[in-house]
Amino acid sequence: MAGYAVGGTARAAGKFNFTVRLAELNEDLEQLNAEAHLLEERIAEHVERLLEQVTK
């Protein structure tokens, strides 16, 4: 089964533009990374508050 990818779909020749798709995926990744960073900051703040309450 050379060239077979699990979950892949057949594409007609010339219908898939790798550069465009890679740019789209990169934009998605940048957005997800930004959201992850915000969540990371919120979690750190909450942990800090919890630790302050425990040590009082």
Protein backbone atom coordinates (compact mmCIF):
# COMPACT_ATOMS: atom_id res chain seq x y z
CA MET A 1 0.00 0.00 0.00
CA ALA A 2 2.63 2.52 -0.95
CA GLY A 3 1.41 6.09 -0.65
CA TYR A 4 -1.63 5.15 1.43
CA ALA A 5 -2.43 7.46 4.36
CA VAL A 6 -4.94 6.49 7.02
CA GLY A 7 -7.73 9.03 7.06
CA GLY A 8 -6.49 10.65 3.88
CA THR A 9 -8.80 11.54 1.05
CA ALA A 10 -8.13 11.24 -2.64
CA ARG A 11 -7.48 14.56 -4.35
CA ALA A 12 -7.69 15.30 -8.02
CA ALA A 13 -4.38 16.36 -9.52
CA GLY A 14 -3.98 20.14 -9.41
CA LYS A 15 -6.77 20.70 -6.88
CA PHE A 16 -4.50 20.91 -3.84
CA ASN A 17 -2.20 23.88 -3.32
CA PHE A 18 0.33 22.91 -0.66
CA THR A 19 1.60 26.46 -0.13
CA VAL A 20 -1.89 27.88 0.43
CA ARG A 21 -2.86 25.05 2.77
CA LEU A 22 0.38 25.37 4.74
CA ALA A 23 -0.25 29.11 5.16
CA GLU A 24 -3.80 28.40 6.39
CA LEU A 25 -2.55 25.84 8.88
CA ASN A 26 0.14 28.22 10.08
CA GLU A 27 -2.48 30.91 10.72
CA ASP A 28 -4.52 28.40 12.71
CA LEU A 29 -1.44 27.40 14.69
CA GLU A 30 -0.60 31.02 15.49
CA GLN A 31 -4.14 31.60 16.77
CA LEU A 32 -4.07 28.44 18.88
CA ASN A 33 -0.67 29.38 20.32
CA ALA A 34 -1.99 32.83 21.28
CA GLU A 35 -5.02 31.27 22.98
CA ALA A 36 -2.78 28.76 24.77
CA HIS A 37 -0.58 31.58 26.05
CA LEU A 38 -3.60 33.41 27.49
CA LEU A 39 -4.76 30.22 29.19
CA GLU A 40 -1.27 29.64 30.56
CA GLU A 41 -1.30 33.12 32.12
CA ARG A 42 -4.75 32.59 33.66
CA ILE A 43 -3.73 29.26 35.12
CA ALA A 44 -0.56 30.76 36.60
CA GLU A 45 -2.62 33.56 38.19
CA HIS A 46 -5.08 31.07 39.68
CA VAL A 47 -2.31 28.88 41.05
CA GLU A 48 -0.69 31.94 42.61
CA ARG A 49 -3.99 32.90 44.29
CA LEU A 50 -4.51 29.38 45.57
CA LEU A 51 -1.01 29.25 47.00
CA GLU A 52 -1.55 32.62 48.72
CA GLN A 53 -4.74 31.32 50.34
CA VAL A 54 -3.10 28.11 51.51
CA THR A 55 -0.14 29.90 53.07
CA LYS A 56 -2.27 32.42 55.05
